[in-house]
């Protein structure tokens, strides 16, 4: 989808408006992922108790109570929301944001229900149905985009998002319907909403940090929001395909096995090792060959200095990726033990306020690079507090392990990629990546070996 936007619309006020709306979509989509974090342990226990159907129905009613008012706002108040998101950008940006919000907000809310269906199937040890629904939905959405984008413009991207979400929900919903009859909702509506809100508030705040960055990037000129958004999307994809996946699929096994202080620290460090190894490699590749990679994928509007700056921005976001990996694998552990973690609202508010201050200071000091650095600092603060919420012992053990992993992988990446830079962008990136892999194979870091053994055992 991002490639289509880049090639069809380039880098303009209209794309800035689209990505402002997409920022809201991301916020709500992350809320969907956080819903899985909250309900998967609960549904795993409900399956053991024979109450899975009632639990799923109760959560579905709570989600509907929240989703309907949000859809009404996105439908009837999209223009003022678009104006706020785009700030001082030209009117084309505000218009694009408003039009896309009307479709992208409902699309994101459908993902909330998809997450609930996925969690129910995870409790039944079925992950394949959800994967099939997502693939089919993505293919359907992309097909719609390609068929309509030339005639209808950037709003076709939003239509494709909505279709993707609808199909992605329909497939697991049909599978659940075939597994058994409907059940009456269990539990009170208010309690369910509070429970979901408590679990979603921090992931929402983390994505609000991104929206704060978008707002400060908008003041740096036309195109900066688009560039920052693409860099953030690339970084988010790296985190999602590693840490997010491991965090989601490990929740149910950990709930069944139980979680102690030492186990929690090992889980955080082990899953982070595998993710950080990918982060370090990606940072090296984009630092050297970012312009070539970006322009080849996104089109000529992202060539030259624009593509080079975007590639360096991806590399500059690597500290944020590392901190985000830690947060992603730590946050689900707060719910695995069946506890109701407190102080998440306070932590979320502190993180957003801190991000506003850091983003302003970073923009004034170093422009867009400073905005990226501010995101890493605020996310690291959140990680430290989450580890402390598990226990002080977990904080000490995990902090040592994460620091050691980050430092070692950063050194290995520097040794591999810096000399390779003398050979040119593409050749240097390719040889640097090969050297990075060979160094890891030769060094065989104990932390990485332990991480691989741990994940295999958990599986």
Protein backbone atom coordinates (compact mmCIF):
# COMPACT_ATOMS: atom_id res chain seq x y z
CA UNK A 1 0.00 0.00 0.00
CA UNK A 2 2.82 2.35 0.86
CA UNK A 3 4.50 1.60 -2.45
CA UNK A 4 1.32 2.49 -4.35
CA UNK A 5 1.03 5.80 -2.48
CA UNK A 6 4.64 6.66 -3.24
CA UNK A 7 4.51 5.79 -6.93
CA UNK A 8 1.08 7.27 -7.65
CA UNK A 9 1.22 10.43 -5.54
CA UNK A 10 4.89 11.09 -4.87
CA UNK A 11 5.71 13.24 -1.87
CA UNK A 12 3.32 16.15 -1.41
CA UNK A 13 0.84 17.88 0.87
CA UNK A 14 -1.75 15.26 -0.13
CA UNK A 15 0.48 12.39 0.98
CA UNK A 16 1.20 14.28 4.21
CA UNK A 17 -2.55 14.39 4.83
CA UNK A 18 -2.94 10.72 4.02
CA UNK A 19 -0.19 9.73 6.44
CA UNK A 20 -1.68 11.95 9.13
CA UNK A 21 -4.90 9.91 8.81
CA UNK A 22 -2.84 6.74 8.61
CA UNK A 23 -1.32 7.68 11.95
CA UNK A 24 -4.78 7.45 13.51
CA UNK A 25 -5.28 4.10 11.75
CA UNK A 26 -2.01 2.85 13.23
CA UNK A 27 -3.04 3.98 16.71
CA UNK A 28 -6.29 2.02 16.54
CA UNK A 29 -4.59 -0.96 14.91
CA UNK A 30 -2.11 -1.11 17.75
CA UNK A 31 -5.05 -1.02 20.12
CA UNK A 32 -6.25 -4.16 18.33
CA UNK A 33 -2.91 -5.85 18.94
CA UNK A 34 -3.02 -4.77 22.59
CA UNK A 35 -6.47 -6.31 22.88
CA UNK A 36 -4.91 -9.66 22.04
CA UNK A 37 -2.35 -9.07 24.77
CA UNK A 38 -5.15 -8.54 27.30
CA UNK A 39 -7.62 -11.22 26.29
CA UNK A 40 -5.44 -14.10 25.12
CA UNK A 41 -4.43 -15.16 28.66
CA UNK A 42 -8.03 -14.71 29.81
CA UNK A 43 -9.41 -16.81 26.98
CA UNK A 44 -6.78 -19.50 27.52
CA UNK A 45 -7.98 -19.83 31.12
CA UNK A 46 -11.62 -19.67 29.97
CA UNK A 47 -11.07 -22.59 27.62
CA UNK A 48 -9.73 -24.66 30.50
CA UNK A 49 -12.82 -23.71 32.54
CA UNK A 50 -15.27 -24.43 29.71
CA UNK A 51 -16.45 -20.78 29.47
CA UNK A 52 -14.68 -19.67 26.29
CA UNK A 53 -17.86 -18.86 24.31
CA UNK A 54 -19.31 -16.61 27.00
CA UNK A 55 -16.01 -14.76 27.45
CA UNK A 56 -15.72 -14.07 23.71
CA UNK A 57 -19.31 -12.81 23.56
CA UNK A 58 -18.75 -10.53 26.54
CA UNK A 59 -15.69 -8.93 24.98
CA UNK A 60 -17.51 -8.51 21.65
CA UNK A 61 -20.33 -6.55 23.29
CA UNK A 62 -17.80 -4.32 25.07
CA UNK A 63 -15.96 -3.63 21.81
CA UNK A 64 -19.20 -2.68 20.05
CA UNK A 65 -20.03 -0.19 22.80
CA UNK A 66 -16.71 1.55 22.19
CA UNK A 67 -16.58 1.27 18.39
CA UNK A 68 -19.93 2.85 17.53
CA UNK A 69 -19.21 6.33 19.00
CA UNK A 70 -15.75 6.39 17.39
CA UNK A 71 -17.23 5.61 13.96
CA UNK A 72 -19.74 8.43 14.40
CA UNK A 73 -16.95 10.90 15.16
CA UNK A 74 -14.86 9.77 12.19
CA UNK A 75 -17.89 10.08 9.90
CA UNK A 76 -19.34 13.43 10.97
CA UNK A 77 -16.31 15.26 12.39
CA UNK A 78 -13.56 14.14 10.04
CA UNK A 79 -12.80 17.63 8.71
CA UNK A 80 -11.99 19.30 12.05
CA UNK A 81 -9.97 16.24 13.06
CA UNK A 82 -8.08 16.45 9.76
CA UNK A 83 -7.35 20.13 10.37
CA UNK A 84 -5.87 19.35 13.77
CA UNK A 85 -3.72 16.51 12.46
CA UNK A 86 -2.23 18.48 9.58
CA UNK A 87 -1.56 21.74 11.43
CA UNK A 88 -0.08 24.44 9.21
CA UNK A 89 0.13 22.28 6.09
CA UNK A 90 -1.79 23.36 2.94
CA UNK A 91 -5.56 22.72 2.64
CA UNK A 92 -4.96 19.72 0.36
CA UNK A 93 -3.42 17.91 3.32
CA UNK A 94 -6.40 18.55 5.59
CA UNK A 95 -8.84 17.45 2.86
CA UNK A 96 -6.96 14.20 2.20
CA UNK A 97 -6.80 13.45 5.92
CA UNK A 98 -10.53 14.07 6.39
CA UNK A 99 -11.61 11.90 3.45
CA UNK A 100 -9.35 9.02 4.42
CA UNK A 101 -10.36 9.11 8.08
CA UNK A 102 -13.94 8.26 7.14
CA UNK A 103 -12.79 4.86 5.86
CA UNK A 104 -9.61 4.14 7.80
CA UNK A 105 -11.11 4.55 11.26
CA UNK A 106 -13.84 1.92 10.62
CA UNK A 107 -11.17 -0.29 9.06
CA UNK A 108 -9.07 -0.08 12.20
CA UNK A 109 -12.07 -0.78 14.42
CA UNK A 110 -12.84 -3.92 12.44
CA UNK A 111 -9.34 -5.04 13.37
CA UNK A 112 -10.37 -4.89 17.03
CA UNK A 113 -12.96 -7.58 16.37
CA UNK A 114 -10.45 -9.50 14.25
CA UNK A 115 -8.07 -9.45 17.21
CA UNK A 116 -10.78 -10.88 19.46
CA UNK A 117 -11.50 -13.66 16.98
CA UNK A 118 -7.79 -14.37 16.64
CA UNK A 119 -7.42 -14.57 20.41
CA UNK A 120 -10.29 -17.04 20.67
CA UNK A 121 -8.70 -19.24 18.01
CA UNK A 122 -5.31 -18.94 19.73
CA UNK A 123 -6.91 -20.33 22.90
CA UNK A 124 -7.89 -23.28 20.70
CA UNK A 125 -4.30 -23.49 19.37
CA UNK A 126 -5.42 -22.42 15.88
CA UNK A 127 -3.19 -19.74 14.32
CA UNK A 128 -3.50 -20.80 10.68
CA UNK A 129 -7.07 -19.55 10.18
CA UNK A 130 -6.14 -16.03 11.21
CA UNK A 131 -3.10 -16.06 8.94
CA UNK A 132 -5.23 -17.20 6.01
CA UNK A 133 -7.79 -14.46 6.67
CA UNK A 134 -5.12 -11.80 6.83
CA UNK A 135 -3.51 -12.95 3.59
CA UNK A 136 -6.84 -13.12 1.78
CA UNK A 137 -7.87 -9.72 3.14
CA UNK A 138 -4.59 -8.12 2.14
CA UNK A 139 -4.82 -9.52 -1.38
CA UNK A 140 -8.42 -8.30 -1.72
CA UNK A 141 -7.60 -4.83 -0.43
CA UNK A 142 -4.59 -4.44 -2.67
CA UNK A 143 -6.60 -5.56 -5.69
CA UNK A 144 -9.24 -2.91 -4.98
CA UNK A 145 -6.55 -0.25 -4.61
CA UNK A 146 -4.91 -1.12 -7.92
CA UNK A 147 -8.26 -1.15 -9.73
CA UNK A 148 -9.50 2.22 -8.40
CA UNK A 149 -6.48 4.36 -7.50
CA UNK A 150 -6.05 5.93 -10.95
CA UNK A 151 -9.69 7.00 -11.18
CA UNK A 152 -10.55 7.83 -7.57
CA UNK A 153 -7.26 9.05 -6.14
CA UNK A 154 -5.78 8.55 -2.71
CA UNK A 155 -9.13 7.68 -1.09
CA UNK A 156 -8.86 4.31 -2.88
CA UNK A 157 -6.05 3.46 -0.47
CA UNK A 158 -8.48 3.93 2.41
CA UNK A 159 -11.09 1.79 0.66
CA UNK A 160 -8.52 -0.98 0.31
CA UNK A 161 -7.75 -0.78 4.03
CA UNK A 162 -11.43 -1.17 4.85
CA UNK A 163 -11.83 -4.19 2.57
CA UNK A 164 -8.70 -5.80 4.00
CA UNK A 165 -10.06 -5.44 7.52
CA UNK A 166 -13.53 -6.72 6.60
CA UNK A 167 -12.23 -9.89 4.95
CA UNK A 168 -9.67 -10.38 7.70
CA UNK A 169 -12.50 -10.43 10.24
CA UNK A 170 -14.89 -12.55 8.18
CA UNK A 171 -12.59 -15.59 7.84
CA UNK A 172 -11.89 -16.23 11.55
CA UNK A 173 -15.48 -15.26 12.45
CA UNK A 174 -16.84 -17.95 10.12
CA UNK A 175 -14.41 -20.47 11.58
CA UNK A 176 -15.57 -19.66 15.11
CA UNK A 177 -19.20 -19.91 14.06
CA UNK A 178 -18.58 -23.38 12.68
CA UNK A 179 -16.95 -24.51 15.91
CA UNK A 180 -19.99 -24.07 18.12
CA UNK A 181 -23.23 -22.32 18.95
CA UNK A 182 -23.38 -18.71 20.23
CA UNK A 183 -23.10 -18.11 23.98
CA UNK A 184 -24.60 -15.45 26.19
CA UNK A 185 -22.13 -12.73 27.19
CA UNK A 186 -20.43 -13.26 30.55
CA UNK A 187 -19.55 -10.43 32.93
CA UNK A 188 -20.62 -6.82 33.16
CA UNK A 189 -20.22 -4.41 30.24
CA UNK A 190 -18.58 -1.70 32.32
CA UNK A 191 -16.01 -4.05 33.78
CA UNK A 192 -15.09 -5.35 30.33
CA UNK A 193 -14.62 -1.85 28.93
CA UNK A 194 -12.43 -0.83 31.87
CA UNK A 195 -10.37 -4.00 31.47
CA UNK A 196 -9.84 -3.41 27.76
CA UNK A 197 -9.10 0.27 28.27
CA UNK A 198 -6.55 -0.55 30.94
CA UNK A 199 -4.79 -2.89 28.54
CA UNK A 200 -5.03 -0.59 25.53
CA UNK A 201 -4.05 2.68 27.15
CA UNK A 202 -0.30 2.10 27.00
CA UNK A 203 -0.13 0.80 23.40
CA UNK A 204 -2.33 3.75 22.40
CA UNK A 205 0.00 6.11 24.21
CA UNK A 206 3.01 4.56 22.46
CA UNK A 207 1.42 5.27 19.11
CA UNK A 208 0.40 8.71 20.30
CA UNK A 209 4.15 9.29 20.67
CA UNK A 210 4.34 8.73 16.91
CA UNK A 211 1.50 11.20 16.31
CA UNK A 212 3.36 13.76 18.42
CA UNK A 213 6.38 13.23 16.17
CA UNK A 214 4.17 13.64 13.08
CA UNK A 215 2.84 16.92 14.42
CA UNK A 216 6.33 18.33 15.06
CA UNK A 217 7.59 17.01 11.72
CA UNK A 218 4.78 18.91 9.96
CA UNK A 219 6.37 22.19 11.05
CA UNK A 220 9.61 21.29 9.26
CA UNK A 221 8.01 21.66 5.81
CA UNK A 222 6.08 19.79 3.13
CA UNK A 223 7.19 16.20 2.72
CA UNK A 224 8.75 15.72 6.13
CA UNK A 225 5.65 14.00 7.53
CA UNK A 226 5.64 11.60 4.57
CA UNK A 227 9.34 10.79 4.96
CA UNK A 228 9.06 10.27 8.71
CA UNK A 229 5.98 8.10 8.20
CA UNK A 230 7.74 5.84 5.72
CA UNK A 231 10.74 5.49 8.02
CA UNK A 232 8.42 4.69 10.91
CA UNK A 233 6.51 2.14 8.81
CA UNK A 234 9.75 0.37 7.91
CA UNK A 235 10.86 0.32 11.53
CA UNK A 236 7.44 -0.82 12.71
CA UNK A 237 7.45 -3.64 10.17
CA UNK A 238 10.78 -4.88 11.49
CA UNK A 239 9.51 -4.82 15.07
CA UNK A 240 6.17 -6.39 14.13
CA UNK A 241 7.60 -9.32 12.19
CA UNK A 242 9.95 -10.22 15.03
CA UNK A 243 9.06 -9.05 18.53
CA UNK A 244 5.32 -8.55 18.04
CA UNK A 245 4.88 -11.99 16.52
CA UNK A 246 6.89 -13.68 19.27
CA UNK A 247 5.01 -11.77 21.96
CA UNK A 248 1.59 -12.76 20.63
CA UNK A 249 2.20 -16.44 20.00
CA UNK A 250 3.93 -16.95 23.36
CA UNK A 251 1.13 -15.55 25.53
CA UNK A 252 -1.00 -18.71 25.62
CA UNK A 253 1.92 -21.15 26.28
CA UNK A 254 3.27 -18.89 29.03
CA UNK A 255 -0.17 -18.61 30.61
CA UNK A 256 -0.42 -22.39 30.79
CA UNK A 257 3.14 -22.86 32.04
CA UNK A 258 3.17 -20.07 34.64
CA UNK A 259 5.53 -17.12 34.92
CA UNK A 260 8.09 -16.34 37.63
CA UNK A 261 10.59 -13.52 38.06
CA UNK A 262 13.52 -15.36 36.49
CA UNK A 263 11.34 -16.79 33.72
CA UNK A 264 10.03 -13.33 32.86
CA UNK A 265 13.51 -11.87 32.57
CA UNK A 266 14.70 -14.74 30.42
CA UNK A 267 11.66 -14.45 28.17
CA UNK A 268 12.25 -10.72 27.61
CA UNK A 269 15.97 -11.09 26.91
CA UNK A 270 15.68 -14.20 24.75
CA UNK A 271 12.94 -12.90 22.47
CA UNK A 272 14.65 -9.51 22.26
CA UNK A 273 17.94 -11.10 21.14
CA UNK A 274 16.32 -12.57 18.03
CA UNK A 275 14.61 -9.30 17.17
CA UNK A 276 17.63 -7.07 17.84
CA UNK A 277 19.78 -9.19 15.54
CA UNK A 278 17.42 -8.24 12.70
CA UNK A 279 17.24 -4.58 13.78
CA UNK A 280 21.04 -4.19 13.69
CA UNK A 281 21.26 -5.74 10.22
CA UNK A 282 18.46 -3.55 8.86
CA UNK A 283 20.06 -0.40 10.27
CA UNK A 284 23.32 -1.19 8.51
CA UNK A 285 21.65 -1.90 5.17
CA UNK A 286 19.57 1.30 5.21
CA UNK A 287 22.48 3.44 6.37
CA UNK A 288 24.55 2.33 3.36
CA UNK A 289 22.02 1.69 0.61
CA UNK A 290 18.91 3.47 1.82
CA UNK A 291 18.64 5.74 -1.22
CA UNK A 292 18.93 2.85 -3.68
CA UNK A 293 16.47 0.65 -1.80
CA UNK A 294 13.95 3.41 -1.17
CA UNK A 295 13.96 4.80 -4.72
CA UNK A 296 13.72 1.31 -6.23
CA UNK A 297 10.67 0.48 -4.12
CA UNK A 298 8.90 3.83 -3.74
CA UNK A 299 9.72 5.42 -7.09
CA UNK A 300 11.64 8.43 -8.43
CA UNK A 301 10.04 10.91 -6.01
CA UNK A 302 12.16 9.22 -3.32
CA UNK A 303 15.45 9.22 -5.18
CA UNK A 304 18.49 11.38 -4.62
CA UNK A 305 18.76 13.33 -1.39
CA UNK A 306 15.18 12.49 -0.33
CA UNK A 307 15.85 8.75 -0.50
CA UNK A 308 19.22 9.09 1.16
CA UNK A 309 17.74 11.11 4.00
CA UNK A 310 14.93 8.57 4.42
CA UNK A 311 17.40 5.68 4.56
CA UNK A 312 19.47 7.46 7.19
CA UNK A 313 16.28 8.23 9.11
CA UNK A 314 15.46 4.50 9.21
CA UNK A 315 18.94 3.84 10.59
CA UNK A 316 18.42 6.70 13.03
CA UNK A 317 15.26 5.03 14.29
CA UNK A 318 17.18 1.86 15.21
CA UNK A 319 17.50 2.89 18.90
CA UNK A 320 13.73 3.34 18.94
CA UNK A 321 13.32 -0.08 17.29
CA UNK A 322 15.50 -1.64 20.00
CA UNK A 323 13.50 -0.01 22.79
CA UNK A 324 10.24 -0.90 21.05
CA UNK A 325 11.31 -4.54 20.86
CA UNK A 326 11.79 -4.53 24.62
CA UNK A 327 8.39 -2.95 25.23
CA UNK A 328 6.67 -5.33 22.83
CA UNK A 329 7.90 -8.49 24.54
CA UNK A 330 7.54 -7.11 28.09
CA UNK A 331 4.03 -5.67 27.97
CA UNK A 332 2.14 -8.99 27.47
CA UNK A 333 3.80 -10.41 30.59
CA UNK A 334 1.81 -8.00 32.75
CA UNK A 335 -1.33 -9.95 31.82
CA UNK A 336 0.00 -13.50 31.53
CA UNK A 337 -0.03 -13.98 35.31
CA UNK A 338 -3.71 -13.03 35.53
CA UNK A 339 -2.98 -9.72 37.25
CA UNK A 340 -4.66 -6.36 36.59
CA UNK A 341 -1.65 -4.08 36.22
CA UNK A 342 -2.16 -0.67 37.74
CA UNK A 343 -0.50 2.64 37.02
CA UNK A 344 -0.65 2.07 33.25
CA UNK A 345 -2.76 5.21 32.81
CA UNK A 346 -0.25 7.28 34.77
CA UNK A 347 2.64 5.80 32.81
CA UNK A 348 0.87 6.55 29.53
CA UNK A 349 0.22 10.18 30.43
CA UNK A 350 3.81 10.66 31.58
CA UNK A 351 5.13 9.14 28.36
CA UNK A 352 3.06 11.43 26.13
CA UNK A 353 3.98 14.56 28.10
CA UNK A 354 7.64 13.53 28.02
CA UNK A 355 7.44 12.95 24.27
CA UNK A 356 6.03 16.42 23.63
CA UNK A 357 8.94 17.98 25.52
CA UNK A 358 11.57 15.75 23.92
CA UNK A 359 10.16 16.11 20.39
CA UNK A 360 10.15 19.90 20.68
CA UNK A 361 13.72 19.91 21.99
CA UNK A 362 14.85 17.39 19.39
CA UNK A 363 13.28 19.32 16.51
CA UNK A 364 14.91 22.56 17.65
CA UNK A 365 18.30 20.90 18.09
CA UNK A 366 18.55 18.54 15.10
CA UNK A 367 15.39 18.72 12.97
CA UNK A 368 13.85 15.45 11.91
CA UNK A 369 16.78 13.44 13.32
CA UNK A 370 16.13 15.02 16.70
CA UNK A 371 12.45 14.05 16.47
CA UNK A 372 13.51 10.44 15.82
CA UNK A 373 15.88 10.50 18.79
CA UNK A 374 13.12 11.80 21.05
CA UNK A 375 10.99 8.77 20.17
CA UNK A 376 13.76 6.41 21.27
CA UNK A 377 14.23 8.19 24.61
CA UNK A 378 10.56 8.20 25.56
CA UNK A 379 10.12 4.54 24.55
CA UNK A 380 13.15 3.56 26.62
CA UNK A 381 11.56 5.28 29.61
CA UNK A 382 8.40 3.22 29.11
CA UNK A 383 10.43 -0.01 28.87
CA UNK A 384 12.21 0.67 32.16
CA UNK A 385 8.94 1.31 33.98
CA UNK A 386 7.28 -1.81 32.56
CA UNK A 387 10.16 -4.01 33.69
CA UNK A 388 9.99 -2.46 37.15
CA UNK A 389 6.25 -3.17 37.26
CA UNK A 390 7.00 -6.87 36.81
CA UNK A 391 9.55 -6.76 39.65
CA UNK A 392 12.80 -5.08 40.55
CA UNK A 393 14.62 -8.34 40.00
CA UNK A 394 13.17 -8.61 36.50
CA UNK A 395 14.25 -5.04 35.80
CA UNK A 396 17.84 -5.75 36.87
CA UNK A 397 18.17 -9.02 34.99
CA UNK A 398 16.44 -7.85 31.83
CA UNK A 399 18.24 -4.49 31.74
CA UNK A 400 21.62 -6.22 31.89
CA UNK A 401 20.63 -8.71 29.22
CA UNK A 402 19.12 -6.12 26.87
CA UNK A 403 22.08 -3.77 27.28
CA UNK A 404 24.55 -6.56 26.55
CA UNK A 405 22.60 -7.71 23.48
CA UNK A 406 22.26 -4.18 22.09
CA UNK A 407 25.92 -3.33 22.66
CA UNK A 408 27.29 -6.53 21.14
CA UNK A 409 25.07 -6.43 18.08
CA UNK A 410 25.82 -2.73 17.53
CA UNK A 411 29.56 -3.44 17.60
CA UNK A 412 29.22 -6.41 15.23
CA UNK A 413 27.12 -4.32 12.83
CA UNK A 414 29.65 -1.45 12.93
CA UNK A 415 32.56 -3.80 12.24
CA UNK A 416 30.68 -5.39 9.35
CA UNK A 417 29.13 -2.36 7.65
CA UNK A 418 31.51 0.57 8.19
CA UNK A 419 34.43 -0.86 6.14
CA UNK A 420 31.96 -2.08 3.51
CA UNK A 421 30.81 1.52 2.96
CA UNK A 422 33.98 2.12 0.94
CA UNK A 423 32.69 -0.25 -1.75
CA UNK A 424 29.61 1.79 -2.65
CA UNK A 425 25.96 1.61 -1.60
CA UNK A 426 24.63 -1.67 -3.00
CA UNK A 427 27.82 -3.73 -3.00
CA UNK A 428 28.77 -2.36 0.40
CA UNK A 429 25.36 -3.18 1.87
CA UNK A 430 25.40 -6.70 0.45
CA UNK A 431 28.93 -7.46 1.64
CA UNK A 432 28.26 -5.78 4.97
CA UNK A 433 25.21 -7.96 5.50
CA UNK A 434 27.20 -11.07 4.60
CA UNK A 435 30.02 -10.04 6.94
CA UNK A 436 27.49 -9.40 9.72
CA UNK A 437 26.04 -12.90 9.36
CA UNK A 438 29.51 -14.50 9.24
CA UNK A 439 30.65 -12.61 12.34
CA UNK A 440 27.61 -13.78 14.29
CA UNK A 441 28.19 -17.34 13.09
CA UNK A 442 31.85 -17.18 14.12
CA UNK A 443 31.27 -15.50 17.49
CA UNK A 444 28.22 -17.63 18.36
CA UNK A 445 27.09 -15.21 21.10
CA UNK A 446 25.79 -17.25 24.07
CA UNK A 447 22.80 -14.91 24.39
CA UNK A 448 21.74 -15.55 20.81
CA UNK A 449 22.18 -19.30 21.14
CA UNK A 450 20.19 -19.30 24.36
CA UNK A 451 17.46 -17.23 22.70
CA UNK A 452 17.09 -19.71 19.87
CA UNK A 453 16.98 -22.66 22.27
CA UNK A 454 14.42 -20.87 24.45
CA UNK A 455 12.04 -20.08 21.60
CA UNK A 456 12.26 -23.64 20.27
CA UNK A 457 11.51 -25.03 23.74
CA UNK A 458 8.58 -22.64 24.19
CA UNK A 459 7.17 -23.74 20.84
